[in-house]
Amino acid sequence: MKRSSLILRALGGLAALCWAVALQAQIVSSGLSGFVRDSGGKAVAGATVAAVHIPTGTTYTARTNESGQFRYSGMVVGGPFTVTVTAPGFRVAEQTGLITALGGSVAANFTLETADVVKMDKFTVTADPNQLDSNANGAGSVIGASGIGTTPTVQRSFADVARTTPFVSLRGILSSRTQPIITAVGQNNRFNSILVDGARINDQFGLNGSGLQAFGN
């Protein structure tokens, strides 16, 4: 009875030892943890911590919590690792050559320095309200009496006069009427607005290529 009890205890201890060794053999990763604080010792929350395993290029990313702590697990064992910390308003901090241990967590703490503040020289922007013309409607030209009198035209054509301005071009002639299509600043002829002595003579129905009310050019 006593011999059997001793044998059972020995077997139980051996089994427990083998189980512990097996569990230890299954651990193939490592960890990294630490705190990020400013120069005054205050925790920096929300900082981005990036750890790069140099031989393989494997990257691990984490963010610090409210206590400024970050933690990695399941990392590649060994190294070296380069750990970089970035946070708004602080300079980038970096540690190189970190080596992790099998089944353990390596500590890496960071102290961030406040980023340099670029102070811009004071400057004042001023403007004259008279420089803005509320009556301006865009590009335009005014053709006076002298311009009309000196423009050669065979059919007393409005298009011949309008083409003297660089904003206007003529596009073909409609087959049903002997009038060219007048295009101003590259837009459709229906956007034309034509005034004679200040009175609008536009085509209200969009029937004429010239944009005039009358069929005759």
N, C-alpha and C. Protein backbone atom coordinates (compact mmCIF):
# COMPACT_ATOMS: atom_id res chain seq x y z
N MET A 1 0.83 -1.21 0.00
CA MET A 1 0.00 0.00 0.00
C MET A 1 0.87 1.26 0.00
N LYS A 2 1.86 1.29 0.95
CA LYS A 2 2.72 2.46 1.03
C LYS A 2 3.55 2.59 -0.24
N ARG A 3 4.04 1.42 -0.75
CA ARG A 3 4.86 1.46 -1.97
C ARG A 3 4.03 1.97 -3.14
N SER A 4 2.80 1.51 -3.24
CA SER A 4 1.92 1.96 -4.33
C SER A 4 1.65 3.45 -4.23
N SER A 5 1.43 3.94 -3.00
CA SER A 5 1.17 5.38 -2.81
C SER A 5 2.37 6.20 -3.22
N LEU A 6 3.57 5.75 -2.89
CA LEU A 6 4.77 6.48 -3.28
C LEU A 6 4.95 6.51 -4.80
N ILE A 7 4.65 5.36 -5.42
CA ILE A 7 4.76 5.29 -6.89
C ILE A 7 3.78 6.25 -7.56
N LEU A 8 2.55 6.31 -7.03
CA LEU A 8 1.54 7.21 -7.60
C LEU A 8 1.95 8.67 -7.44
N ARG A 9 2.50 9.00 -6.27
CA ARG A 9 2.94 10.38 -6.06
C ARG A 9 4.08 10.75 -7.01
N ALA A 10 4.99 9.80 -7.19
CA ALA A 10 6.10 10.06 -8.09
C ALA A 10 5.63 10.25 -9.52
N LEU A 11 4.69 9.42 -9.94
CA LEU A 11 4.14 9.55 -11.29
C LEU A 11 3.40 10.87 -11.46
N GLY A 12 2.65 11.27 -10.41
CA GLY A 12 1.92 12.54 -10.48
C GLY A 12 2.86 13.72 -10.59
N GLY A 13 3.95 13.69 -9.82
CA GLY A 13 4.92 14.79 -9.90
C GLY A 13 5.59 14.85 -11.25
N LEU A 14 5.92 13.67 -11.79
CA LEU A 14 6.54 13.62 -13.11
C LEU A 14 5.62 14.15 -14.18
N ALA A 15 4.32 13.81 -14.09
CA ALA A 15 3.35 14.31 -15.06
C ALA A 15 3.21 15.82 -14.98
N ALA A 16 3.18 16.37 -13.76
CA ALA A 16 3.07 17.82 -13.59
C ALA A 16 4.29 18.52 -14.17
N LEU A 17 5.48 17.93 -13.94
CA LEU A 17 6.70 18.51 -14.47
C LEU A 17 6.70 18.51 -16.00
N CYS A 18 6.26 17.40 -16.58
CA CYS A 18 6.19 17.31 -18.05
C CYS A 18 5.19 18.32 -18.60
N TRP A 19 4.05 18.50 -17.91
CA TRP A 19 3.03 19.46 -18.35
C TRP A 19 3.57 20.89 -18.32
N ALA A 20 4.33 21.23 -17.28
CA ALA A 20 4.91 22.57 -17.18
C ALA A 20 5.93 22.80 -18.28
N VAL A 21 6.75 21.76 -18.54
CA VAL A 21 7.74 21.88 -19.60
C VAL A 21 7.07 22.05 -20.95
N ALA A 22 5.95 21.30 -21.17
CA ALA A 22 5.21 21.40 -22.43
C ALA A 22 4.62 22.79 -22.62
N LEU A 23 4.06 23.35 -21.52
CA LEU A 23 3.49 24.69 -21.61
C LEU A 23 4.57 25.72 -21.94
N GLN A 24 5.74 25.55 -21.29
CA GLN A 24 6.81 26.49 -21.55
C GLN A 24 7.32 26.37 -22.98
N ALA A 25 7.30 25.15 -23.50
CA ALA A 25 7.76 24.94 -24.87
C ALA A 25 6.82 25.57 -25.89
N GLN A 26 5.52 25.77 -25.53
CA GLN A 26 4.56 26.33 -26.47
C GLN A 26 4.67 27.85 -26.56
N ILE A 27 5.37 28.51 -25.64
CA ILE A 27 5.53 29.95 -25.67
C ILE A 27 6.62 30.31 -26.66
N VAL A 28 6.25 30.92 -27.77
CA VAL A 28 7.21 31.24 -28.83
C VAL A 28 7.20 32.73 -29.15
N SER A 29 6.59 33.56 -28.30
CA SER A 29 6.49 34.98 -28.57
C SER A 29 7.00 35.78 -27.38
N SER A 30 7.05 37.08 -27.56
CA SER A 30 7.52 37.97 -26.52
C SER A 30 6.62 39.20 -26.47
N GLY A 31 6.94 40.11 -25.57
CA GLY A 31 6.12 41.30 -25.41
C GLY A 31 6.95 42.53 -25.16
N LEU A 32 6.29 43.69 -25.24
CA LEU A 32 6.94 44.97 -25.00
C LEU A 32 5.91 45.91 -24.39
N SER A 33 6.29 46.62 -23.39
CA SER A 33 5.37 47.54 -22.72
C SER A 33 6.16 48.72 -22.16
N GLY A 34 5.43 49.78 -21.84
CA GLY A 34 6.09 50.94 -21.27
C GLY A 34 5.12 52.09 -21.09
N PHE A 35 5.66 53.24 -20.69
CA PHE A 35 4.87 54.44 -20.45
C PHE A 35 5.43 55.58 -21.28
N VAL A 36 4.53 56.46 -21.70
CA VAL A 36 4.91 57.65 -22.45
C VAL A 36 4.48 58.86 -21.63
N ARG A 37 5.43 59.72 -21.28
CA ARG A 37 5.15 60.90 -20.47
C ARG A 37 5.83 62.11 -21.10
N ASP A 38 5.34 63.28 -20.71
CA ASP A 38 5.99 64.50 -21.18
C ASP A 38 7.14 64.87 -20.25
N SER A 39 7.78 65.99 -20.55
CA SER A 39 8.95 66.38 -19.76
C SER A 39 8.59 66.71 -18.32
N GLY A 40 7.33 66.99 -18.06
CA GLY A 40 6.89 67.26 -16.69
C GLY A 40 6.40 66.04 -15.96
N GLY A 41 6.49 64.87 -16.58
CA GLY A 41 6.06 63.63 -15.94
C GLY A 41 4.59 63.31 -16.11
N LYS A 42 3.87 64.10 -16.89
CA LYS A 42 2.45 63.86 -17.11
C LYS A 42 2.25 62.84 -18.22
N ALA A 43 1.28 61.93 -18.01
CA ALA A 43 1.01 60.89 -19.00
C ALA A 43 0.52 61.51 -20.30
N VAL A 44 1.00 60.97 -21.41
CA VAL A 44 0.58 61.40 -22.75
C VAL A 44 -0.35 60.33 -23.30
N ALA A 45 -1.64 60.63 -23.35
CA ALA A 45 -2.63 59.67 -23.86
C ALA A 45 -2.82 59.84 -25.36
N GLY A 46 -3.12 58.74 -26.04
CA GLY A 46 -3.39 58.79 -27.47
C GLY A 46 -2.16 58.86 -28.33
N ALA A 47 -0.98 58.68 -27.77
CA ALA A 47 0.25 58.69 -28.58
C ALA A 47 0.34 57.40 -29.38
N THR A 48 0.88 57.48 -30.58
CA THR A 48 1.04 56.32 -31.44
C THR A 48 2.44 55.74 -31.24
N VAL A 49 2.47 54.44 -30.92
CA VAL A 49 3.74 53.76 -30.68
C VAL A 49 3.89 52.68 -31.74
N ALA A 50 4.95 52.76 -32.51
CA ALA A 50 5.21 51.80 -33.59
C ALA A 50 6.53 51.08 -33.32
N ALA A 51 6.46 49.76 -33.28
CA ALA A 51 7.65 48.93 -33.08
C ALA A 51 7.93 48.15 -34.35
N VAL A 52 9.15 48.26 -34.87
CA VAL A 52 9.53 47.60 -36.12
C VAL A 52 10.63 46.59 -35.83
N HIS A 53 10.39 45.32 -36.23
CA HIS A 53 11.41 44.28 -36.12
C HIS A 53 12.33 44.42 -37.32
N ILE A 54 13.55 44.89 -37.11
CA ILE A 54 14.44 45.27 -38.20
C ILE A 54 14.74 44.12 -39.16
N PRO A 55 15.05 42.89 -38.67
CA PRO A 55 15.40 41.83 -39.63
C PRO A 55 14.28 41.46 -40.59
N THR A 56 13.02 41.50 -40.12
CA THR A 56 11.90 41.06 -40.96
C THR A 56 11.02 42.21 -41.44
N GLY A 57 11.14 43.37 -40.82
CA GLY A 57 10.28 44.49 -41.18
C GLY A 57 8.89 44.41 -40.59
N THR A 58 8.63 43.45 -39.71
CA THR A 58 7.32 43.31 -39.07
C THR A 58 7.07 44.52 -38.18
N THR A 59 5.89 45.11 -38.32
CA THR A 59 5.55 46.33 -37.58
C THR A 59 4.39 46.08 -36.65
N TYR A 60 4.50 46.57 -35.43
CA TYR A 60 3.44 46.49 -34.43
C TYR A 60 3.09 47.93 -34.03
N THR A 61 1.78 48.19 -33.95
CA THR A 61 1.31 49.54 -33.64
C THR A 61 0.36 49.50 -32.46
N ALA A 62 0.49 50.47 -31.57
CA ALA A 62 -0.38 50.57 -30.41
C ALA A 62 -0.56 52.04 -30.05
N ARG A 63 -1.55 52.30 -29.21
CA ARG A 63 -1.80 53.65 -28.71
C ARG A 63 -1.78 53.64 -27.19
N THR A 64 -1.30 54.72 -26.61
CA THR A 64 -1.25 54.80 -25.17
C THR A 64 -2.64 55.08 -24.60
N ASN A 65 -2.91 54.53 -23.42
CA ASN A 65 -4.19 54.76 -22.76
C ASN A 65 -4.12 56.04 -21.94
N GLU A 66 -5.12 56.25 -21.06
CA GLU A 66 -5.17 57.47 -20.28
C GLU A 66 -4.00 57.60 -19.33
N SER A 67 -3.40 56.47 -18.96
CA SER A 67 -2.23 56.49 -18.08
C SER A 67 -0.92 56.63 -18.84
N GLY A 68 -1.01 56.74 -20.16
CA GLY A 68 0.19 56.83 -20.97
C GLY A 68 0.87 55.50 -21.21
N GLN A 69 0.18 54.40 -20.92
CA GLN A 69 0.79 53.09 -21.05
C GLN A 69 0.45 52.46 -22.38
N PHE A 70 1.41 51.72 -22.94
CA PHE A 70 1.18 50.91 -24.14
C PHE A 70 1.70 49.51 -23.86
N ARG A 71 1.16 48.55 -24.61
CA ARG A 71 1.55 47.16 -24.38
C ARG A 71 1.43 46.38 -25.68
N TYR A 72 2.46 45.57 -25.97
CA TYR A 72 2.44 44.65 -27.09
C TYR A 72 2.52 43.22 -26.55
N SER A 73 1.92 42.32 -27.29
CA SER A 73 2.07 40.89 -27.00
C SER A 73 2.12 40.13 -28.32
N GLY A 74 2.66 38.90 -28.26
CA GLY A 74 2.75 38.10 -29.47
C GLY A 74 3.77 38.61 -30.45
N MET A 75 4.81 39.25 -29.96
CA MET A 75 5.84 39.79 -30.85
C MET A 75 6.86 38.74 -31.22
N VAL A 76 7.60 39.02 -32.28
CA VAL A 76 8.71 38.16 -32.68
C VAL A 76 9.78 38.20 -31.60
N VAL A 77 10.31 37.05 -31.26
CA VAL A 77 11.34 36.98 -30.21
C VAL A 77 12.66 37.46 -30.77
N GLY A 78 13.38 38.24 -29.99
CA GLY A 78 14.70 38.70 -30.40
C GLY A 78 14.68 40.14 -30.83
N GLY A 79 15.32 40.42 -31.94
CA GLY A 79 15.39 41.79 -32.40
C GLY A 79 16.55 41.97 -33.37
N PRO A 80 17.02 43.16 -33.51
CA PRO A 80 16.63 44.34 -32.72
C PRO A 80 15.33 44.98 -33.20
N PHE A 81 14.67 45.72 -32.29
CA PHE A 81 13.46 46.47 -32.58
C PHE A 81 13.79 47.96 -32.51
N THR A 82 13.11 48.72 -33.37
CA THR A 82 13.13 50.18 -33.29
C THR A 82 11.72 50.64 -32.95
N VAL A 83 11.59 51.37 -31.85
CA VAL A 83 10.29 51.82 -31.37
C VAL A 83 10.22 53.33 -31.51
N THR A 84 9.17 53.81 -32.17
CA THR A 84 8.98 55.23 -32.42
C THR A 84 7.67 55.69 -31.83
N VAL A 85 7.70 56.83 -31.15
CA VAL A 85 6.50 57.39 -30.51
C VAL A 85 6.22 58.75 -31.13
N THR A 86 4.98 58.94 -31.60
CA THR A 86 4.55 60.23 -32.15
C THR A 86 3.29 60.68 -31.45
N ALA A 87 3.18 61.97 -31.20
CA ALA A 87 2.00 62.55 -30.56
C ALA A 87 1.89 64.00 -30.98
N PRO A 88 0.67 64.50 -31.20
CA PRO A 88 0.50 65.90 -31.60
C PRO A 88 1.08 66.85 -30.57
N GLY A 89 1.85 67.83 -31.03
CA GLY A 89 2.43 68.82 -30.15
C GLY A 89 3.74 68.41 -29.52
N PHE A 90 4.25 67.21 -29.85
CA PHE A 90 5.50 66.73 -29.28
C PHE A 90 6.46 66.31 -30.39
N ARG A 91 7.74 66.33 -30.05
CA ARG A 91 8.73 65.83 -30.96
C ARG A 91 8.68 64.30 -31.00
N VAL A 92 9.12 63.73 -32.11
CA VAL A 92 9.15 62.28 -32.27
C VAL A 92 10.26 61.71 -31.38
N ALA A 93 9.92 60.66 -30.62
CA ALA A 93 10.90 59.98 -29.77
C ALA A 93 11.14 58.58 -30.31
N GLU A 94 12.38 58.12 -30.16
CA GLU A 94 12.74 56.83 -30.75
C GLU A 94 13.77 56.11 -29.88
N GLN A 95 13.61 54.79 -29.82
CA GLN A 95 14.60 53.93 -29.18
C GLN A 95 14.95 52.82 -30.16
N THR A 96 16.23 52.51 -30.26
CA THR A 96 16.70 51.49 -31.19
C THR A 96 17.44 50.39 -30.44
N GLY A 97 17.56 49.26 -31.11
CA GLY A 97 18.34 48.16 -30.55
C GLY A 97 17.67 47.40 -29.43
N LEU A 98 16.34 47.48 -29.30
CA LEU A 98 15.64 46.76 -28.24
C LEU A 98 15.55 45.27 -28.60
N ILE A 99 15.84 44.41 -27.62
CA ILE A 99 15.81 42.96 -27.80
C ILE A 99 14.75 42.39 -26.86
N THR A 100 13.81 41.64 -27.41
CA THR A 100 12.77 41.02 -26.60
C THR A 100 13.19 39.62 -26.16
N ALA A 101 12.57 39.15 -25.07
CA ALA A 101 12.90 37.85 -24.49
C ALA A 101 11.73 36.90 -24.63
N LEU A 102 12.03 35.63 -24.76
CA LEU A 102 11.01 34.60 -24.91
C LEU A 102 10.12 34.54 -23.67
N GLY A 103 8.83 34.70 -23.90
CA GLY A 103 7.86 34.60 -22.82
C GLY A 103 7.87 35.75 -21.86
N GLY A 104 8.63 36.79 -22.11
CA GLY A 104 8.70 37.93 -21.21
C GLY A 104 8.32 39.22 -21.90
N SER A 105 8.24 40.29 -21.11
CA SER A 105 7.88 41.60 -21.63
C SER A 105 8.99 42.58 -21.29
N VAL A 106 9.52 43.22 -22.31
CA VAL A 106 10.60 44.18 -22.14
C VAL A 106 10.01 45.57 -21.91
N ALA A 107 10.58 46.32 -20.98
CA ALA A 107 10.09 47.66 -20.67
C ALA A 107 10.81 48.70 -21.52
N ALA A 108 10.04 49.62 -22.05
CA ALA A 108 10.60 50.73 -22.84
C ALA A 108 9.77 51.97 -22.54
N ASN A 109 10.32 52.90 -21.79
CA ASN A 109 9.63 54.12 -21.41
C ASN A 109 10.14 55.30 -22.23
N PHE A 110 9.25 56.26 -22.48
CA PHE A 110 9.59 57.39 -23.33
C PHE A 110 9.20 58.69 -22.63
N THR A 111 10.03 59.70 -22.84
CA THR A 111 9.74 61.06 -22.38
C THR A 111 9.73 61.97 -23.60
N LEU A 112 8.59 62.59 -23.86
CA LEU A 112 8.43 63.41 -25.05
C LEU A 112 8.71 64.86 -24.75
N GLU A 113 9.43 65.49 -25.67
CA GLU A 113 9.71 66.92 -25.56
C GLU A 113 8.71 67.70 -26.39
N THR A 114 8.32 68.86 -25.88
CA THR A 114 7.35 69.70 -26.59
C THR A 114 7.94 70.17 -27.91
N ALA A 115 7.13 70.11 -28.95
CA ALA A 115 7.60 70.53 -30.28
C ALA A 115 7.80 72.03 -30.31
N ASP A 116 8.75 72.44 -31.16
CA ASP A 116 9.01 73.87 -31.31
C ASP A 116 7.80 74.56 -31.94
N VAL A 117 7.46 75.71 -31.39
CA VAL A 117 6.33 76.49 -31.91
C VAL A 117 6.88 77.56 -32.85
N VAL A 118 6.40 77.53 -34.07
CA VAL A 118 6.82 78.52 -35.06
C VAL A 118 5.93 79.75 -34.94
N LYS A 119 6.53 80.86 -34.58
CA LYS A 119 5.79 82.10 -34.41
C LYS A 119 5.89 82.93 -35.68
N MET A 120 4.76 83.21 -36.28
CA MET A 120 4.74 83.98 -37.52
C MET A 120 4.68 85.47 -37.23
N ASP A 121 5.32 86.22 -38.09
CA ASP A 121 5.27 87.67 -37.96
C ASP A 121 3.86 88.17 -38.22
N LYS A 122 3.51 89.22 -37.53
CA LYS A 122 2.18 89.80 -37.69
C LYS A 122 2.08 90.51 -39.03
N PHE A 123 0.97 90.28 -39.73
CA PHE A 123 0.75 91.00 -40.98
C PHE A 123 -0.72 91.38 -41.06
N THR A 124 -0.98 92.46 -41.74
CA THR A 124 -2.33 93.01 -41.85
C THR A 124 -2.74 93.05 -43.31
N VAL A 125 -3.93 92.57 -43.60
CA VAL A 125 -4.47 92.58 -44.96
C VAL A 125 -5.57 93.63 -45.03
N THR A 126 -5.43 94.53 -45.95
CA THR A 126 -6.43 95.58 -46.13
C THR A 126 -6.92 95.59 -47.57
N ALA A 127 -8.08 96.17 -47.77
CA ALA A 127 -8.65 96.28 -49.11
C ALA A 127 -9.55 97.49 -49.17
N ASP A 128 -9.66 98.05 -50.37
CA ASP A 128 -10.52 99.20 -50.60
C ASP A 128 -11.88 98.71 -51.07
N PRO A 129 -12.96 99.04 -50.37
CA PRO A 129 -14.28 98.55 -50.81
C PRO A 129 -14.67 99.02 -52.19
N ASN A 130 -14.06 100.12 -52.65
CA ASN A 130 -14.40 100.62 -53.98
C ASN A 130 -13.79 99.77 -55.09
N GLN A 131 -12.87 98.86 -54.73
CA GLN A 131 -12.29 98.01 -55.74
C GLN A 131 -13.26 96.94 -56.23
N LEU A 132 -14.33 96.68 -55.49
CA LEU A 132 -15.33 95.70 -55.89
C LEU A 132 -16.49 96.40 -56.56
N ASP A 133 -16.78 96.01 -57.80
CA ASP A 133 -17.87 96.61 -58.56
C ASP A 133 -19.07 95.67 -58.53
N SER A 134 -20.09 96.06 -57.80
CA SER A 134 -21.28 95.20 -57.69
C SER A 134 -22.06 95.10 -58.99
N ASN A 135 -21.79 95.99 -59.94
CA ASN A 135 -22.52 95.97 -61.21
C ASN A 135 -21.81 95.14 -62.27
N ALA A 136 -20.61 94.64 -61.95
CA ALA A 136 -19.87 93.86 -62.94
C ALA A 136 -20.52 92.49 -63.10
N ASN A 137 -20.75 92.09 -64.35
CA ASN A 137 -21.39 90.81 -64.65
C ASN A 137 -20.45 89.82 -65.31
N GLY A 138 -19.16 90.14 -65.38
CA GLY A 138 -18.22 89.26 -66.05
C GLY A 138 -17.58 89.95 -67.24
N ALA A 139 -17.00 89.16 -68.13
CA ALA A 139 -16.32 89.71 -69.30
C ALA A 139 -17.32 90.37 -70.23
N GLY A 140 -16.95 91.49 -70.83
CA GLY A 140 -17.87 92.19 -71.73
C GLY A 140 -17.15 93.22 -72.56
N SER A 141 -17.80 93.70 -73.60
CA SER A 141 -17.25 94.74 -74.48
C SER A 141 -18.36 95.70 -74.87
N VAL A 142 -17.97 96.95 -75.06
CA VAL A 142 -18.90 97.98 -75.51
C VAL A 142 -18.44 98.47 -76.87
N ILE A 143 -19.30 98.38 -77.86
CA ILE A 143 -18.99 98.83 -79.22
C ILE A 143 -19.74 100.14 -79.46
N GLY A 144 -18.98 101.19 -79.63
CA GLY A 144 -19.58 102.51 -79.81
C GLY A 144 -19.92 102.80 -81.26
N ALA A 145 -20.39 104.02 -81.48
CA ALA A 145 -20.81 104.42 -82.83
C ALA A 145 -19.64 104.42 -83.80
N SER A 146 -18.47 104.85 -83.32
CA SER A 146 -17.31 104.89 -84.22
C SER A 146 -16.89 103.47 -84.61
N GLY A 147 -16.99 102.53 -83.69
CA GLY A 147 -16.67 101.15 -84.01
C GLY A 147 -17.63 100.56 -85.02
N ILE A 148 -18.91 100.88 -84.88
CA ILE A 148 -19.90 100.38 -85.83
C ILE A 148 -19.70 101.01 -87.22
N GLY A 149 -19.38 102.32 -87.22
CA GLY A 149 -19.23 103.02 -88.50
C GLY A 149 -18.01 102.59 -89.28
N THR A 150 -16.99 102.11 -88.60
CA THR A 150 -15.76 101.75 -89.30
C THR A 150 -15.64 100.24 -89.54
N THR A 151 -16.66 99.48 -89.19
CA THR A 151 -16.62 98.03 -89.38
C THR A 151 -17.16 97.68 -90.76
N PRO A 152 -16.38 97.04 -91.62
CA PRO A 152 -16.90 96.66 -92.94
C PRO A 152 -17.92 95.54 -92.83
N THR A 153 -19.07 95.72 -93.48
CA THR A 153 -20.10 94.70 -93.49
C THR A 153 -20.91 94.82 -94.76
N VAL A 154 -21.27 93.68 -95.35
CA VAL A 154 -22.01 93.67 -96.60
C VAL A 154 -23.51 93.68 -96.34
N GLN A 155 -23.95 92.89 -95.36
CA GLN A 155 -25.38 92.75 -95.10
C GLN A 155 -25.84 93.54 -93.87
N ARG A 156 -25.04 94.53 -93.49
CA ARG A 156 -25.35 95.28 -92.26
C ARG A 156 -25.57 94.29 -91.11
N SER A 157 -24.64 93.32 -91.00
CA SER A 157 -24.79 92.21 -90.08
C SER A 157 -24.31 92.59 -88.67
N PHE A 158 -25.14 92.25 -87.71
CA PHE A 158 -24.74 92.46 -86.32
C PHE A 158 -23.55 91.57 -85.96
N ALA A 159 -23.47 90.40 -86.55
CA ALA A 159 -22.36 89.48 -86.27
C ALA A 159 -21.03 90.08 -86.71
N ASP A 160 -21.03 90.84 -87.83
CA ASP A 160 -19.79 91.47 -88.28
C ASP A 160 -19.28 92.48 -87.27
N VAL A 161 -20.20 93.14 -86.60
CA VAL A 161 -19.80 94.11 -85.57
C VAL A 161 -19.36 93.39 -84.31
N ALA A 162 -20.08 92.35 -83.89
CA ALA A 162 -19.79 91.65 -82.65
C ALA A 162 -18.45 90.93 -82.71
N ARG A 163 -18.04 90.50 -83.89
CA ARG A 163 -16.80 89.75 -84.01
C ARG A 163 -15.57 90.61 -83.79
N THR A 164 -15.73 91.93 -83.71
CA THR A 164 -14.60 92.81 -83.48
C THR A 164 -14.09 92.73 -82.05
N THR A 165 -14.86 92.17 -81.14
CA THR A 165 -14.41 92.00 -79.77
C THR A 165 -13.75 90.64 -79.61
N PRO A 166 -12.65 90.54 -78.84
CA PRO A 166 -11.95 89.26 -78.71
C PRO A 166 -12.74 88.20 -77.94
N PHE A 167 -13.84 88.60 -77.29
CA PHE A 167 -14.63 87.63 -76.54
C PHE A 167 -15.60 86.85 -77.41
N VAL A 168 -15.77 87.25 -78.67
CA VAL A 168 -16.81 86.68 -79.52
C VAL A 168 -16.17 85.89 -80.66
N SER A 169 -16.78 84.76 -80.98
CA SER A 169 -16.40 83.98 -82.16
C SER A 169 -17.66 83.56 -82.88
N LEU A 170 -17.56 83.34 -84.20
CA LEU A 170 -18.70 82.95 -85.02
C LEU A 170 -18.55 81.48 -85.41
N ARG A 171 -19.65 80.72 -85.24
CA ARG A 171 -19.62 79.29 -85.53
C ARG A 171 -20.63 78.97 -86.63
N GLY A 172 -20.16 78.88 -87.84
CA GLY A 172 -20.99 78.41 -88.94
C GLY A 172 -22.20 79.28 -89.21
N ILE A 173 -23.05 78.79 -90.10
CA ILE A 173 -24.28 79.49 -90.48
C ILE A 173 -25.41 78.47 -90.47
N LEU A 174 -26.53 78.84 -89.88
CA LEU A 174 -27.69 77.95 -89.87
C LEU A 174 -28.20 77.75 -91.29
N SER A 175 -28.57 76.53 -91.61
CA SER A 175 -29.00 76.21 -92.98
C SER A 175 -30.29 76.90 -93.36
N SER A 176 -31.18 77.13 -92.40
CA SER A 176 -32.48 77.71 -92.72
C SER A 176 -32.43 79.23 -92.78
N ARG A 177 -31.40 79.85 -92.15
CA ARG A 177 -31.31 81.31 -92.12
C ARG A 177 -29.86 81.70 -92.32
N THR A 178 -29.67 82.81 -93.00
CA THR A 178 -28.31 83.26 -93.28
C THR A 178 -27.79 84.08 -92.11
N GLN A 179 -27.62 83.44 -90.96
CA GLN A 179 -27.12 84.14 -89.79
C GLN A 179 -26.10 83.24 -89.07
N PRO A 180 -24.94 83.74 -88.75
CA PRO A 180 -23.96 82.94 -88.04
C PRO A 180 -24.35 82.79 -86.56
N ILE A 181 -23.84 81.73 -85.96
CA ILE A 181 -24.08 81.50 -84.53
C ILE A 181 -23.00 82.26 -83.75
N ILE A 182 -23.43 83.18 -82.92
CA ILE A 182 -22.51 84.02 -82.17
C ILE A 182 -22.25 83.38 -80.80
N THR A 183 -20.99 83.10 -80.52
CA THR A 183 -20.60 82.50 -79.25
C THR A 183 -19.74 83.49 -78.49
N ALA A 184 -20.15 83.81 -77.26
CA ALA A 184 -19.40 84.75 -76.42
C ALA A 184 -18.69 83.98 -75.30
N VAL A 185 -17.41 84.26 -75.12
CA VAL A 185 -16.53 83.65 -74.12
C VAL A 185 -16.69 82.13 -74.08
N GLY A 186 -16.88 81.51 -75.26
CA GLY A 186 -16.90 80.06 -75.37
C GLY A 186 -18.18 79.40 -74.92
N GLN A 187 -19.23 80.15 -74.58
CA GLN A 187 -20.47 79.56 -74.09
C GLN A 187 -21.50 79.42 -75.21
N ASN A 188 -22.55 78.71 -74.88
CA ASN A 188 -23.65 78.53 -75.83
C ASN A 188 -24.25 79.88 -76.20
N ASN A 189 -24.70 80.01 -77.46
CA ASN A 189 -25.24 81.29 -77.91
C ASN A 189 -26.48 81.72 -77.14
N ARG A 190 -27.16 80.80 -76.49
CA ARG A 190 -28.36 81.16 -75.73
C ARG A 190 -28.02 81.90 -74.43
N PHE A 191 -26.73 81.96 -74.09
CA PHE A 191 -26.31 82.74 -72.93
C PHE A 191 -25.97 84.18 -73.31
N ASN A 192 -26.08 84.52 -74.61
CA ASN A 192 -25.77 85.88 -75.03
C ASN A 192 -26.75 86.87 -74.42
N SER A 193 -26.24 88.05 -74.08
CA SER A 193 -27.09 89.16 -73.64
C SER A 193 -26.68 90.39 -74.43
N ILE A 194 -27.52 90.82 -75.36
CA ILE A 194 -27.18 91.88 -76.31
C ILE A 194 -28.03 93.11 -76.00
N LEU A 195 -27.36 94.26 -75.87
CA LEU A 195 -28.05 95.51 -75.56
C LEU A 195 -27.71 96.55 -76.61
N VAL A 196 -28.69 97.30 -77.02
CA VAL A 196 -28.52 98.43 -77.92
C VAL A 196 -29.05 99.66 -77.20
N ASP A 197 -28.16 100.63 -76.96
CA ASP A 197 -28.51 101.83 -76.20
C ASP A 197 -29.10 101.47 -74.83
N GLY A 198 -28.60 100.38 -74.24
CA GLY A 198 -29.06 99.99 -72.91
C GLY A 198 -30.29 99.13 -72.89
N ALA A 199 -30.92 98.92 -74.04
CA ALA A 199 -32.15 98.10 -74.10
C ALA A 199 -31.78 96.69 -74.58
N ARG A 200 -32.31 95.69 -73.91
CA ARG A 200 -32.03 94.30 -74.28
C ARG A 200 -32.86 93.92 -75.52
N ILE A 201 -32.18 93.31 -76.48
CA ILE A 201 -32.86 92.84 -77.69
C ILE A 201 -32.61 91.34 -77.84
N ASN A 202 -32.58 90.64 -76.71
CA ASN A 202 -32.28 89.22 -76.73
C ASN A 202 -33.42 88.41 -77.32
N ASP A 203 -33.07 87.23 -77.82
CA ASP A 203 -34.06 86.28 -78.31
C ASP A 203 -34.68 85.57 -77.11
N GLN A 204 -35.94 85.86 -76.81
CA GLN A 204 -36.60 85.31 -75.63
C GLN A 204 -36.95 83.84 -75.78
N PHE A 205 -36.99 83.32 -77.00
CA PHE A 205 -37.43 81.95 -77.23
C PHE A 205 -36.28 81.01 -77.59
N GLY A 206 -35.11 81.53 -77.81
CA GLY A 206 -33.97 80.69 -78.15
C GLY A 206 -34.05 80.10 -79.54
N LEU A 207 -34.63 80.84 -80.49
CA LEU A 207 -34.80 80.32 -81.85
C LEU A 207 -33.65 80.70 -82.77
N ASN A 208 -32.98 81.82 -82.49
CA ASN A 208 -31.99 82.33 -83.42
C ASN A 208 -30.59 82.08 -82.90
N GLY A 209 -29.71 81.69 -83.82
CA GLY A 209 -28.33 81.45 -83.45
C GLY A 209 -27.61 82.71 -83.04
N SER A 210 -28.05 83.85 -83.53
CA SER A 210 -27.39 85.11 -83.20
C SER A 210 -27.75 85.59 -81.82
N GLY A 211 -28.85 85.12 -81.26
CA GLY A 211 -29.32 85.59 -79.97
C GLY A 211 -30.22 86.82 -80.07
N LEU A 212 -30.50 87.28 -81.31
CA LEU A 212 -31.35 88.46 -81.50
C LEU A 212 -32.82 88.04 -81.63
N GLN A 213 -33.70 89.01 -81.41
CA GLN A 213 -35.14 88.73 -81.52
C GLN A 213 -35.53 88.46 -82.98
N ALA A 214 -35.00 89.26 -83.90
CA ALA A 214 -35.42 89.18 -85.29
C ALA A 214 -34.69 88.07 -86.02
N PHE A 215 -35.35 87.53 -87.07
CA PHE A 215 -34.70 86.53 -87.90
C PHE A 215 -33.54 87.15 -88.67
N GLY A 216 -33.72 88.35 -89.10
CA GLY A 216 -32.68 89.01 -89.87
C GLY A 216 -31.50 89.36 -89.00
N ASN A 217 -30.30 89.20 -89.54
CA ASN A 217 -29.10 89.48 -88.77
C ASN A 217 -28.76 90.97 -88.87
